[in-house]
């Protein structure tokens, strides 16, 4: 058992909470949706209902909602992303807006955004009076919220959110203040960046839109005066501007409602959590969105000094969740385990002394002295990783440039210039696991994709690109990777853990060119990768980087066959 297990247990729990937005018992969600339907005036309170809604009363409300039930569940789900919960005051306002717009969710989202801003700039009592509610404004927990809905009373969080005040005016000022030739240039850059991302799914204007549709919104803004932009378009433009300045993963907003106040709420909530983690007092928030993004960026960089910033992926719906792993939890695991050291010494009939890069450089030297190649070092590590009981996997995959030949200009890398080796566990049976491909075809499918990824990521280092650049990765853990990807389905990529590493050549550190990937093919919830698995995966990535550095420093290379389509695997003939 590693010393970091207990400190990371809370991260495991938090990520699991934010992943499963609709809980197992569903009572909390059913109650929220039922109260939303009542607040919207789309359902009547059941006869003989008491002062509180019990399970039976909730079910009667939901059953009577007809087509509105699914729409309200969808809205509730989207409001909970990405933190796993929704502010009840914001939900109340959305439900009231839904009723005021006769069940038109697109119009309700726009009205919701407007009302959230007005509640910070005007007297909240006047806003609620316009909505047909009067009396003292209530604030509190779910029970207080339920009572407010049943009694048709105002409900709102008393804590001020000054960043919402006059938000549309402040967001528009960014764009209306630009020269007419400057604005389109920036918006077209945003369009290119968004269209190059892997799977964006935003809820904009009442519908779910993908990368190209978001790009079309940005193009429309580039062609028009900011004063004519819709609320939803301004929300998209502001989200992308904040992403560019702040450096968060914009896919964390996947499936969520994109509106001005909700996007800024996301940024403020995250940066406040960073300040708390760093022990800093809450900083005054800048008025201009770009400056808010820069404040976020400063805090993010400070957090990354002590933590690995990671993502949780859900391949079934494209959701993303950020989580943090303390770097000490990773560095304490980097020393060579005794068992792995013995395997390397036996494989090349020579001792390995020391730790860190020197130990792995010695392993490379020992392999060459024994008439072997650096690939045999990776194979030995791969076999050990595939059988490591501390982190059981079905495949362990290692990817890096084949040699240093193109590391002066990695954007010139071709597919055959990238090494990719897949090690399989002896316990893995592709037939029993229902994987369509056999060992060779699995290795080829994985190798083809990962070589492609490296070549695309390398385009980030040049202005004249052969392809659209692919974003650099954060460490991540993922479920349902095969849900929307034919290649993953065929190769059995179902639950994965990926950690990028760095390679070095002549004083330059390159990222995006090497990583390790671990895969489990048999889906069960208890077998999902957890945040607490990242330190164990990270050490494999560190070791891969050190092996690659030793190879490049010695002008060696990995076996060229692992840059091409394989016809057989020596380990699985």
Protein backbone atom coordinates (compact mmCIF):
# COMPACT_ATOMS: atom_id res chain seq x y z
CA UNK A 1 0.00 0.00 0.00
CA UNK A 2 1.40 3.39 -0.96
CA UNK A 3 1.55 6.21 1.55
CA UNK A 4 -0.51 8.51 -0.66
CA UNK A 5 -3.58 6.28 -0.76
CA UNK A 6 -5.46 7.97 2.06
CA UNK A 7 -4.80 11.61 1.01
CA UNK A 8 -6.03 10.79 -2.50
CA UNK A 9 -9.14 8.95 -1.31
CA UNK A 10 -11.00 12.27 -1.06
CA UNK A 11 -10.09 13.09 -4.66
CA UNK A 12 -11.45 9.69 -5.74
CA UNK A 13 -14.74 10.39 -3.98
CA UNK A 14 -15.05 13.91 -5.38
CA UNK A 15 -14.44 12.82 -8.98
CA UNK A 16 -16.93 9.96 -8.65
CA UNK A 17 -19.51 12.43 -7.30
CA UNK A 18 -19.03 14.87 -10.17
CA UNK A 19 -19.10 12.06 -12.74
CA UNK A 20 -22.45 10.59 -11.76
CA UNK A 21 -24.67 13.62 -11.97
CA UNK A 22 -27.91 11.67 -11.68
CA UNK A 23 -27.47 9.62 -8.52
CA UNK A 24 -28.51 6.06 -7.89
CA UNK A 25 -31.52 6.78 -5.69
CA UNK A 26 -32.45 9.86 -7.79
CA UNK A 27 -34.55 11.34 -4.95
CA UNK A 28 -32.62 14.61 -4.89
CA UNK A 29 -32.89 14.98 -8.67
CA UNK A 30 -36.55 13.96 -8.81
CA UNK A 31 -37.43 16.47 -6.10
CA UNK A 32 -35.51 19.28 -7.84
CA UNK A 33 -37.21 18.58 -11.18
CA UNK A 34 -40.65 18.26 -9.58
CA UNK A 35 -40.17 21.59 -7.79
CA UNK A 36 -38.97 23.13 -11.06
CA UNK A 37 -42.14 21.97 -12.83
CA UNK A 38 -44.30 23.41 -10.05
CA UNK A 39 -42.37 26.70 -10.07
CA UNK A 40 -42.80 26.94 -13.83
CA UNK A 41 -46.55 26.46 -13.44
CA UNK A 42 -46.49 23.45 -15.75
CA UNK A 43 -47.99 21.14 -13.13
CA UNK A 44 -50.43 21.57 -10.28
CA UNK A 45 -49.71 20.56 -6.73
CA UNK A 46 -51.27 17.11 -6.17
CA UNK A 47 -54.37 16.95 -4.02
CA UNK A 48 -53.78 16.07 -0.42
CA UNK A 49 -50.12 17.01 -0.73
CA UNK A 50 -48.67 17.98 2.63
CA UNK A 51 -46.42 20.91 3.49
CA UNK A 52 -43.55 18.90 2.00
CA UNK A 53 -43.45 16.66 -1.07
CA UNK A 54 -42.99 13.00 -0.21
CA UNK A 55 -41.94 10.33 -2.70
CA UNK A 56 -45.51 9.65 -3.81
CA UNK A 57 -46.26 13.35 -4.36
CA UNK A 58 -43.05 13.80 -6.33
CA UNK A 59 -43.99 10.90 -8.60
CA UNK A 60 -47.46 12.35 -9.20
CA UNK A 61 -45.97 15.69 -10.23
CA UNK A 62 -43.50 14.02 -12.58
CA UNK A 63 -46.16 11.75 -14.09
CA UNK A 64 -48.42 14.74 -14.80
CA UNK A 65 -45.69 16.76 -16.52
CA UNK A 66 -45.97 15.14 -19.92
CA UNK A 67 -43.39 16.30 -22.45
CA UNK A 68 -42.06 18.95 -20.07
CA UNK A 69 -40.69 16.31 -17.72
CA UNK A 70 -37.85 15.26 -20.04
CA UNK A 71 -37.00 18.86 -20.90
CA UNK A 72 -36.72 19.83 -17.24
CA UNK A 73 -34.60 16.81 -16.40
CA UNK A 74 -32.31 17.77 -19.27
CA UNK A 75 -32.03 21.35 -18.01
CA UNK A 76 -31.35 20.19 -14.44
CA UNK A 77 -28.62 17.84 -15.65
CA UNK A 78 -26.94 20.58 -17.70
CA UNK A 79 -27.04 23.05 -14.82
CA UNK A 80 -25.16 20.55 -12.63
CA UNK A 81 -22.17 20.36 -14.96
CA UNK A 82 -19.26 20.35 -14.30
CA UNK A 83 -19.24 20.47 -10.49
CA UNK A 84 -21.89 17.83 -9.83
CA UNK A 85 -24.36 20.19 -8.21
CA UNK A 86 -26.59 23.11 -9.13
CA UNK A 87 -27.28 26.30 -7.24
CA UNK A 88 -30.93 26.05 -6.15
CA UNK A 89 -31.49 29.78 -6.59
CA UNK A 90 -30.25 29.61 -10.18
CA UNK A 91 -32.43 26.54 -10.79
CA UNK A 92 -35.48 28.39 -9.41
CA UNK A 93 -34.84 31.29 -11.78
CA UNK A 94 -34.46 28.91 -14.73
CA UNK A 95 -37.70 27.15 -13.83
CA UNK A 96 -39.53 30.47 -13.52
CA UNK A 97 -38.10 31.53 -16.88
CA UNK A 98 -39.21 28.23 -18.40
CA UNK A 99 -42.75 28.96 -17.27
CA UNK A 100 -42.66 32.57 -18.47
CA UNK A 101 -41.57 31.41 -21.94
CA UNK A 102 -44.31 28.73 -22.14
CA UNK A 103 -41.82 25.88 -22.05
CA UNK A 104 -39.43 27.23 -24.69
CA UNK A 105 -36.06 26.18 -23.25
CA UNK A 106 -34.02 28.30 -25.66
CA UNK A 107 -35.90 31.46 -24.69
CA UNK A 108 -35.82 30.40 -21.04
CA UNK A 109 -32.03 30.12 -21.06
CA UNK A 110 -31.72 33.66 -22.45
CA UNK A 111 -34.20 34.99 -19.89
CA UNK A 112 -32.39 33.09 -17.13
CA UNK A 113 -29.10 34.77 -18.09
CA UNK A 114 -30.75 38.19 -18.08
CA UNK A 115 -32.41 37.63 -14.71
CA UNK A 116 -29.20 36.40 -13.07
CA UNK A 117 -27.53 39.65 -14.08
CA UNK A 118 -30.47 41.83 -13.00
CA UNK A 119 -30.60 40.20 -9.58
CA UNK A 120 -27.09 41.59 -8.95
CA UNK A 121 -27.78 45.08 -10.29
CA UNK A 122 -31.36 45.75 -9.21
CA UNK A 123 -33.40 45.23 -6.06
CA UNK A 124 -34.09 41.46 -6.06
CA UNK A 125 -37.56 42.05 -4.62
CA UNK A 126 -38.51 44.05 -7.72
CA UNK A 127 -37.23 41.29 -10.00
CA UNK A 128 -39.26 38.65 -8.16
CA UNK A 129 -42.32 40.89 -8.21
CA UNK A 130 -42.05 40.96 -12.02
CA UNK A 131 -42.01 37.18 -11.89
CA UNK A 132 -45.22 37.14 -9.86
CA UNK A 133 -43.67 36.34 -6.49
CA UNK A 134 -43.88 38.50 -3.40
CA UNK A 135 -42.89 38.42 0.24
CA UNK A 136 -39.56 38.07 2.02
CA UNK A 137 -36.80 36.46 -0.01
CA UNK A 138 -35.87 33.10 1.45
CA UNK A 139 -32.44 31.51 1.45
CA UNK A 140 -31.29 28.14 2.64
CA UNK A 141 -31.22 24.42 1.95
CA UNK A 142 -33.37 22.12 -0.16
CA UNK A 143 -36.16 22.11 2.41
CA UNK A 144 -36.34 25.91 2.45
CA UNK A 145 -36.37 25.87 -1.34
CA UNK A 146 -39.21 23.35 -1.37
CA UNK A 147 -41.28 25.47 1.00
CA UNK A 148 -40.65 28.58 -1.11
CA UNK A 149 -41.84 26.83 -4.28
CA UNK A 150 -44.95 25.39 -2.63
CA UNK A 151 -45.84 28.78 -1.13
CA UNK A 152 -44.94 30.69 -4.33
CA UNK A 153 -42.39 32.77 -2.47
CA UNK A 154 -39.07 34.24 -3.64
CA UNK A 155 -35.95 32.14 -3.05
CA UNK A 156 -32.45 33.44 -3.69
CA UNK A 157 -28.96 33.13 -2.27
CA UNK A 158 -28.14 36.15 -0.13
CA UNK A 159 -24.42 35.91 -0.93
CA UNK A 160 -23.66 38.57 -3.56
CA UNK A 161 -22.17 37.60 -6.90
CA UNK A 162 -20.90 40.95 -8.14
CA UNK A 163 -19.23 39.44 -11.20
CA UNK A 164 -22.69 38.97 -12.72
CA UNK A 165 -23.64 42.65 -12.49
CA UNK A 166 -23.83 44.40 -15.86
CA UNK A 167 -22.08 41.41 -17.35
CA UNK A 168 -23.45 41.76 -20.86
CA UNK A 169 -22.34 45.38 -21.07
CA UNK A 170 -18.86 44.53 -19.81
CA UNK A 171 -18.48 41.51 -22.09
CA UNK A 172 -19.60 43.47 -25.14
CA UNK A 173 -17.20 46.29 -24.33
CA UNK A 174 -14.29 43.92 -24.99
CA UNK A 175 -15.39 43.50 -28.60
CA UNK A 176 -16.97 46.86 -29.41
CA UNK A 177 -13.76 48.54 -28.26
CA UNK A 178 -11.64 46.71 -30.84
CA UNK A 179 -10.74 48.09 -34.25
CA UNK A 180 -12.95 46.70 -36.98
CA UNK A 181 -10.08 44.79 -38.60
CA UNK A 182 -8.81 43.39 -35.26
CA UNK A 183 -12.03 41.74 -34.12
CA UNK A 184 -12.51 39.34 -37.08
CA UNK A 185 -8.87 38.23 -36.87
CA UNK A 186 -9.25 37.20 -33.25
CA UNK A 187 -12.64 35.54 -33.75
CA UNK A 188 -11.38 33.57 -36.74
CA UNK A 189 -8.45 32.40 -34.61
CA UNK A 190 -11.00 31.26 -32.02
CA UNK A 191 -12.91 29.43 -34.76
CA UNK A 192 -9.81 27.53 -35.86
CA UNK A 193 -8.91 26.62 -32.29
CA UNK A 194 -12.38 25.34 -31.48
CA UNK A 195 -12.73 23.29 -34.64
CA UNK A 196 -9.37 21.60 -33.97
CA UNK A 197 -10.41 20.37 -30.51
CA UNK A 198 -11.49 16.83 -29.77
CA UNK A 199 -15.25 16.75 -29.36
CA UNK A 200 -16.91 19.91 -28.08
CA UNK A 201 -20.55 19.56 -27.08
CA UNK A 202 -22.08 22.82 -25.82
CA UNK A 203 -25.73 23.50 -25.06
CA UNK A 204 -26.26 26.76 -26.96
CA UNK A 205 -29.54 28.37 -27.92
CA UNK A 206 -31.58 25.42 -26.75
CA UNK A 207 -29.67 22.74 -28.67
CA UNK A 208 -26.51 20.67 -28.36
CA UNK A 209 -23.83 21.89 -30.77
CA UNK A 210 -20.48 20.41 -31.79
CA UNK A 211 -17.13 21.93 -32.80
CA UNK A 212 -18.13 23.04 -36.28
CA UNK A 213 -21.38 24.54 -35.08
CA UNK A 214 -19.52 26.49 -32.40
CA UNK A 215 -17.14 27.57 -35.16
CA UNK A 216 -20.13 28.76 -37.19
CA UNK A 217 -21.28 30.91 -34.24
CA UNK A 218 -17.81 32.46 -34.03
CA UNK A 219 -17.75 33.05 -37.79
CA UNK A 220 -21.14 34.74 -37.57
CA UNK A 221 -19.80 37.03 -34.85
CA UNK A 222 -16.75 37.85 -36.98
CA UNK A 223 -19.10 38.97 -39.76
CA UNK A 224 -21.35 41.17 -37.63
CA UNK A 225 -21.34 44.09 -35.26
CA UNK A 226 -21.13 43.07 -31.57
CA UNK A 227 -24.27 45.06 -30.81
CA UNK A 228 -26.25 42.57 -32.88
CA UNK A 229 -24.90 39.45 -31.19
CA UNK A 230 -27.43 37.27 -29.41
CA UNK A 231 -27.02 36.46 -25.72
CA UNK A 232 -26.06 32.88 -26.55
CA UNK A 233 -23.49 34.01 -29.14
CA UNK A 234 -21.94 36.41 -26.63
CA UNK A 235 -21.82 33.55 -24.11
CA UNK A 236 -19.91 31.39 -26.62
CA UNK A 237 -17.47 34.18 -27.54
CA UNK A 238 -16.81 34.95 -23.87
CA UNK A 239 -16.29 31.29 -23.02
CA UNK A 240 -13.67 30.94 -25.75
CA UNK A 241 -11.97 34.20 -24.75
CA UNK A 242 -11.76 33.04 -21.13
CA UNK A 243 -10.42 29.67 -22.26
CA UNK A 244 -7.71 31.34 -24.35
CA UNK A 245 -6.59 33.56 -21.48
CA UNK A 246 -7.09 31.16 -18.55
CA UNK A 247 -5.91 27.84 -19.95
CA UNK A 248 -8.65 25.65 -18.48
CA UNK A 249 -9.97 22.65 -20.37
CA UNK A 250 -12.91 24.10 -22.28
CA UNK A 251 -14.43 20.64 -22.68
CA UNK A 252 -15.26 20.83 -18.98
CA UNK A 253 -18.21 22.86 -20.25
CA UNK A 254 -19.32 20.00 -22.50
CA UNK A 255 -23.05 19.31 -22.17
CA UNK A 256 -23.52 22.41 -20.00
CA UNK A 257 -25.62 25.49 -20.71
CA UNK A 258 -23.43 28.17 -22.27
CA UNK A 259 -24.59 31.58 -21.11
CA UNK A 260 -22.66 34.61 -19.94
CA UNK A 261 -23.32 34.33 -16.20
CA UNK A 262 -22.94 30.54 -16.08
CA UNK A 263 -19.61 30.60 -17.93
CA UNK A 264 -18.25 33.31 -15.63
CA UNK A 265 -19.66 31.44 -12.61
CA UNK A 266 -17.59 28.42 -13.67
CA UNK A 267 -14.40 30.46 -13.91
CA UNK A 268 -14.95 32.26 -10.61
CA UNK A 269 -15.80 29.08 -8.72
CA UNK A 270 -12.69 27.33 -10.00
CA UNK A 271 -10.31 30.21 -9.34
CA UNK A 272 -11.73 30.62 -5.82
CA UNK A 273 -10.99 26.92 -5.20
CA UNK A 274 -7.44 27.52 -6.45
CA UNK A 275 -7.03 30.44 -4.06
CA UNK A 276 -8.23 28.29 -1.18
CA UNK A 277 -5.81 25.51 -2.11
CA UNK A 278 -2.94 28.01 -2.29
CA UNK A 279 -3.91 29.66 0.98
CA UNK A 280 -4.50 33.00 -0.72
CA UNK A 281 -7.17 35.52 0.23
CA UNK A 282 -9.88 35.99 -2.43
CA UNK A 283 -8.59 38.55 -4.91
CA UNK A 284 -10.80 41.37 -6.25
CA UNK A 285 -12.28 40.20 -9.53
CA UNK A 286 -11.43 42.27 -12.62
CA UNK A 287 -14.30 43.82 -14.58
CA UNK A 288 -13.06 42.68 -18.00
CA UNK A 289 -13.40 38.99 -18.90
CA UNK A 290 -9.91 38.79 -20.43
CA UNK A 291 -8.36 40.06 -17.20
CA UNK A 292 -10.46 37.56 -15.23
CA UNK A 293 -9.00 34.84 -17.43
CA UNK A 294 -5.48 36.09 -16.73
CA UNK A 295 -6.14 35.98 -12.96
CA UNK A 296 -7.28 32.39 -13.41
CA UNK A 297 -4.11 31.63 -15.42
CA UNK A 298 -1.84 32.99 -12.68
CA UNK A 299 -3.55 30.84 -10.06
CA UNK A 300 -3.54 27.80 -12.33
CA UNK A 301 0.20 28.09 -12.87
CA UNK A 302 0.77 28.38 -9.12
CA UNK A 303 -1.40 25.32 -8.46
CA UNK A 304 0.46 23.31 -11.12
CA UNK A 305 3.76 23.83 -9.28
CA UNK A 306 2.52 21.48 -6.58
CA UNK A 307 -0.08 19.41 -8.39
CA UNK A 308 -0.65 17.45 -11.55
CA UNK A 309 -3.75 18.91 -13.18
CA UNK A 310 -5.68 15.94 -14.56
CA UNK A 311 -8.97 15.20 -16.29
CA UNK A 312 -11.66 12.57 -15.95
CA UNK A 313 -13.24 11.65 -19.31
CA UNK A 314 -16.59 10.03 -19.99
CA UNK A 315 -16.46 8.77 -23.57
CA UNK A 316 -20.20 8.16 -23.69
CA UNK A 317 -21.17 11.83 -23.44
CA UNK A 318 -17.88 13.76 -23.84
CA UNK A 319 -18.00 15.14 -20.29
CA UNK A 320 -14.72 16.21 -18.66
CA UNK A 321 -13.83 16.86 -15.02
CA UNK A 322 -10.64 18.44 -13.70
CA UNK A 323 -8.99 17.01 -10.60
CA UNK A 324 -5.64 17.61 -8.92
CA UNK A 325 -3.06 15.07 -7.78
CA UNK A 326 -0.33 16.32 -5.40
CA UNK A 327 3.08 16.04 -7.04
CA UNK A 328 4.68 14.53 -3.89
CA UNK A 329 2.29 11.58 -4.31
CA UNK A 330 3.94 11.01 -7.69
CA UNK A 331 7.58 11.70 -6.89
CA UNK A 332 7.64 9.28 -3.95
CA UNK A 333 6.88 6.43 -6.38
CA UNK A 334 9.51 7.24 -9.02
CA UNK A 335 12.39 5.15 -7.52
CA UNK A 336 12.82 1.78 -9.23
CA UNK A 337 10.92 -1.03 -7.48
CA UNK A 338 13.22 -3.88 -6.50
CA UNK A 339 11.34 -6.36 -8.68
CA UNK A 340 11.64 -4.22 -11.79
CA UNK A 341 15.32 -3.58 -11.12
CA UNK A 342 15.90 -7.35 -10.93
CA UNK A 343 14.01 -7.92 -14.21
CA UNK A 344 16.14 -5.32 -15.98
CA UNK A 345 19.35 -6.78 -14.57
CA UNK A 346 18.39 -10.32 -15.55
CA UNK A 347 17.26 -9.24 -19.03
CA UNK A 348 20.63 -7.69 -19.89
CA UNK A 349 22.89 -9.61 -17.48
CA UNK A 350 24.29 -6.47 -15.89
CA UNK A 351 23.68 -4.50 -12.69
CA UNK A 352 21.72 -1.24 -12.54
CA UNK A 353 22.95 1.21 -9.94
CA UNK A 354 21.27 4.36 -8.71
CA UNK A 355 17.91 5.97 -9.44
CA UNK A 356 16.25 8.34 -11.85
CA UNK A 357 17.57 9.11 -15.33
CA UNK A 358 20.97 7.55 -14.57
CA UNK A 359 19.42 4.18 -13.76
CA UNK A 360 17.44 4.11 -17.00
CA UNK A 361 20.43 5.31 -19.03
CA UNK A 362 22.35 2.39 -17.54
CA UNK A 363 19.55 0.04 -18.61
CA UNK A 364 19.85 1.35 -22.19
CA UNK A 365 23.63 0.95 -22.12
CA UNK A 366 23.29 -2.57 -20.72
CA UNK A 367 20.86 -3.51 -23.47
CA UNK A 368 23.21 -2.27 -26.20
CA UNK A 369 26.20 -4.00 -24.59
CA UNK A 370 24.23 -7.26 -24.59
CA UNK A 371 23.59 -6.96 -28.34
CA UNK A 372 20.01 -5.82 -27.82
CA UNK A 373 18.27 -2.49 -28.56
CA UNK A 374 16.50 0.22 -26.54
CA UNK A 375 13.23 -1.40 -27.58
CA UNK A 376 14.12 -4.32 -25.32
CA UNK A 377 14.24 -1.94 -22.36
CA UNK A 378 10.71 -0.80 -23.22
CA UNK A 379 9.60 -4.42 -23.65
CA UNK A 380 10.98 -5.35 -20.23
CA UNK A 381 9.26 -2.35 -18.66
CA UNK A 382 6.07 -3.14 -20.59
CA UNK A 383 5.94 -6.73 -19.38
CA UNK A 384 6.45 -5.57 -15.81
CA UNK A 385 3.79 -2.86 -16.13
CA UNK A 386 1.25 -5.26 -17.67
CA UNK A 387 1.67 -7.62 -14.70
CA UNK A 388 2.03 -5.02 -11.92
CA UNK A 389 -0.42 -6.05 -9.20
CA UNK A 390 -0.43 -2.50 -7.78
CA UNK A 391 -2.08 -1.23 -10.98
CA UNK A 392 -3.61 -4.14 -12.92
CA UNK A 393 -4.13 -3.51 -16.64
CA UNK A 394 -4.77 -5.48 -19.81
CA UNK A 395 -2.45 -3.39 -22.00
CA UNK A 396 0.35 -0.91 -21.32
CA UNK A 397 1.22 1.28 -24.31
CA UNK A 398 4.43 3.31 -24.75
CA UNK A 399 4.78 6.01 -27.42
CA UNK A 400 7.75 8.28 -28.23
CA UNK A 401 9.72 9.59 -31.23
CA UNK A 402 11.72 6.79 -32.88
CA UNK A 403 14.99 8.71 -32.61
CA UNK A 404 16.45 12.20 -32.31
CA UNK A 405 16.67 12.56 -36.10
CA UNK A 406 13.78 15.04 -36.31
CA UNK A 407 13.77 16.49 -32.81
CA UNK A 408 15.31 19.73 -34.07
CA UNK A 409 11.99 20.22 -35.90
CA UNK A 410 9.43 17.71 -34.53
CA UNK A 411 6.66 19.19 -36.68
CA UNK A 412 8.33 17.35 -39.57
CA UNK A 413 7.74 13.95 -37.93
CA UNK A 414 6.00 11.38 -40.12
CA UNK A 415 4.03 8.43 -38.83
CA UNK A 416 6.95 6.01 -39.24
CA UNK A 417 9.09 8.36 -37.11
CA UNK A 418 7.01 7.52 -34.03
CA UNK A 419 7.59 4.40 -31.93
CA UNK A 420 4.57 2.71 -30.33
CA UNK A 421 4.76 -0.53 -28.37
CA UNK A 422 1.83 -2.33 -26.74
CA UNK A 423 2.51 -4.80 -23.92
CA UNK A 424 -0.30 -7.22 -23.08
CA UNK A 425 -0.96 -8.88 -19.74
CA UNK A 426 -0.63 -12.65 -19.73
CA UNK A 427 -4.08 -12.70 -18.17
CA UNK A 428 -5.71 -10.89 -21.09
CA UNK A 429 -7.80 -13.04 -23.44
CA UNK A 430 -9.23 -10.95 -26.26
CA UNK A 431 -11.80 -13.59 -27.16
CA UNK A 432 -13.10 -13.92 -23.59
CA UNK A 433 -13.31 -10.14 -23.22
CA UNK A 434 -15.33 -9.76 -26.42
CA UNK A 435 -12.68 -7.67 -28.18
CA UNK A 436 -13.11 -7.94 -31.97
CA UNK A 437 -9.38 -7.63 -32.79
CA UNK A 438 -6.62 -10.10 -31.93
CA UNK A 439 -3.26 -9.09 -30.44
CA UNK A 440 -1.65 -7.98 -33.71
CA UNK A 441 -4.68 -6.03 -34.90
CA UNK A 442 -5.07 -4.40 -31.46
CA UNK A 443 -1.42 -3.29 -31.53
CA UNK A 444 -1.80 -1.99 -35.09
CA UNK A 445 -5.01 -0.06 -34.34
CA UNK A 446 -3.44 1.51 -31.26
CA UNK A 447 -0.14 2.25 -32.99
CA UNK A 448 -1.81 3.86 -35.99
CA UNK A 449 -3.85 6.17 -33.79
CA UNK A 450 -1.09 7.13 -31.40
CA UNK A 451 1.43 7.85 -34.14
CA UNK A 452 -1.21 10.08 -35.73
CA UNK A 453 -1.72 11.86 -32.39
CA UNK A 454 1.99 12.63 -32.00
CA UNK A 455 2.32 13.98 -35.54
CA UNK A 456 -0.73 16.21 -34.98
CA UNK A 457 0.44 17.47 -31.58
CA UNK A 458 3.85 18.33 -33.01
CA UNK A 459 2.14 20.87 -35.29
CA UNK A 460 1.70 23.12 -32.25
CA UNK A 461 5.38 24.02 -32.59
CA UNK A 462 5.15 25.60 -36.03
CA UNK A 463 3.16 28.35 -37.72
CA UNK A 464 3.19 26.62 -41.12
CA UNK A 465 1.28 23.43 -40.37
CA UNK A 466 0.86 20.29 -42.41
CA UNK A 467 -2.33 19.46 -40.47
CA UNK A 468 -4.51 21.12 -37.87
CA UNK A 469 -2.73 20.87 -34.55
CA UNK A 470 -4.10 18.58 -31.86
CA UNK A 471 -4.20 19.96 -28.33
CA UNK A 472 -1.62 18.84 -25.80
CA UNK A 473 -3.02 16.39 -23.26
CA UNK A 474 -3.26 16.53 -19.50
CA UNK A 475 -3.02 13.26 -17.56
CA UNK A 476 -6.44 11.66 -17.62
CA UNK A 477 -8.56 8.71 -16.60
CA UNK A 478 -11.48 7.67 -18.78
CA UNK A 479 -14.54 5.44 -18.91
CA UNK A 480 -16.61 4.30 -21.89
CA UNK A 481 -13.84 5.12 -24.37
CA UNK A 482 -15.43 2.76 -26.88
CA UNK A 483 -18.90 4.35 -26.81
CA UNK A 484 -18.35 6.78 -29.68
CA UNK A 485 -15.15 5.56 -31.32
CA UNK A 486 -15.09 2.63 -33.75
CA UNK A 487 -11.35 2.13 -33.43
CA UNK A 488 -11.56 1.99 -29.65
CA UNK A 489 -14.44 -0.46 -29.87
CA UNK A 490 -12.51 -2.79 -32.17
CA UNK A 491 -9.34 -2.63 -30.07
CA UNK A 492 -11.10 -2.97 -26.72
CA UNK A 493 -10.17 0.51 -25.46
CA UNK A 494 -12.81 0.84 -22.75
CA UNK A 495 -11.30 2.21 -19.55
CA UNK A 496 -8.00 4.03 -19.87
CA UNK A 497 -5.43 6.04 -17.99
CA UNK A 498 -3.11 8.29 -20.01
CA UNK A 499 -0.14 10.28 -18.80
CA UNK A 500 2.00 12.42 -21.13
CA UNK A 501 5.70 12.86 -20.51
CA UNK A 502 8.48 15.11 -21.78
CA UNK A 503 11.43 14.31 -24.00
CA UNK A 504 14.59 16.41 -24.22
CA UNK A 505 17.03 17.09 -27.01
CA UNK A 506 19.90 19.55 -27.10
CA UNK A 507 18.50 21.70 -24.33
CA UNK A 508 14.88 21.81 -25.54
CA UNK A 509 12.03 20.18 -23.65
CA UNK A 510 9.31 18.86 -25.93
CA UNK A 511 5.83 17.95 -24.74
CA UNK A 512 3.10 16.13 -26.62
CA UNK A 513 5.53 13.70 -28.29
CA UNK A 514 5.52 10.85 -25.75
CA UNK A 515 3.07 9.24 -23.35
CA UNK A 516 1.98 6.03 -21.68
CA UNK A 517 -1.52 4.63 -21.86
CA UNK A 518 -3.02 1.90 -19.74
CA UNK A 519 -6.19 0.05 -20.67
CA UNK A 520 -8.73 -2.25 -19.05
CA UNK A 521 -11.14 -4.02 -21.34
CA UNK A 522 -13.59 -5.55 -18.85
CA UNK A 523 -16.06 -2.89 -17.76
CA UNK A 524 -17.15 -2.86 -14.15
CA UNK A 525 -17.55 0.27 -12.03
CA UNK A 526 -15.09 -0.97 -9.42
CA UNK A 527 -12.46 -1.38 -12.16
CA UNK A 528 -12.56 2.22 -13.33
CA UNK A 529 -9.27 4.04 -13.03
CA UNK A 530 -9.29 6.43 -10.06
CA UNK A 531 -7.35 9.61 -9.35
CA UNK A 532 -5.33 7.59 -6.83
CA UNK A 533 -4.04 5.46 -9.73
CA UNK A 534 -2.41 8.45 -11.41
CA UNK A 535 0.82 8.41 -9.33
CA UNK A 536 1.46 4.80 -10.31
CA UNK A 537 0.77 5.57 -13.98
CA UNK A 538 2.84 8.75 -13.81
CA UNK A 539 5.98 6.84 -12.82
CA UNK A 540 5.70 4.80 -16.01
CA UNK A 541 5.56 8.05 -17.98
CA UNK A 542 8.59 9.44 -16.13
CA UNK A 543 10.54 6.26 -16.84
CA UNK A 544 9.57 6.33 -20.52
CA UNK A 545 10.82 9.91 -20.81
CA UNK A 546 14.14 9.00 -19.22
CA UNK A 547 14.58 5.99 -21.48
CA UNK A 548 13.82 8.11 -24.55
CA UNK A 549 16.24 10.83 -23.43
CA UNK A 550 19.02 8.25 -23.06
CA UNK A 551 18.26 6.89 -26.53
CA UNK A 552 18.39 10.34 -28.15
CA UNK A 553 21.51 11.41 -26.26
CA UNK A 554 23.36 8.33 -27.59
CA UNK A 555 22.07 8.73 -31.17
CA UNK A 556 20.32 5.38 -30.88
CA UNK A 557 16.81 4.57 -31.98
CA UNK A 558 13.94 2.26 -31.16
CA UNK A 559 13.17 -0.64 -33.51
CA UNK A 560 11.73 0.71 -36.75
CA UNK A 561 9.17 -2.10 -36.99
CA UNK A 562 7.18 -0.38 -34.22
CA UNK A 563 6.67 2.62 -36.45
CA UNK A 564 4.86 0.55 -39.05
CA UNK A 565 2.08 -1.97 -39.43
CA UNK A 566 2.96 -5.20 -37.64
CA UNK A 567 2.46 -8.62 -39.16
CA UNK A 568 3.18 -10.52 -35.95
CA UNK A 569 4.05 -10.05 -32.31
CA UNK A 570 6.94 -12.12 -31.04
CA UNK A 571 5.27 -12.36 -27.65
CA UNK A 572 1.94 -13.58 -29.11
CA UNK A 573 2.62 -15.78 -32.12
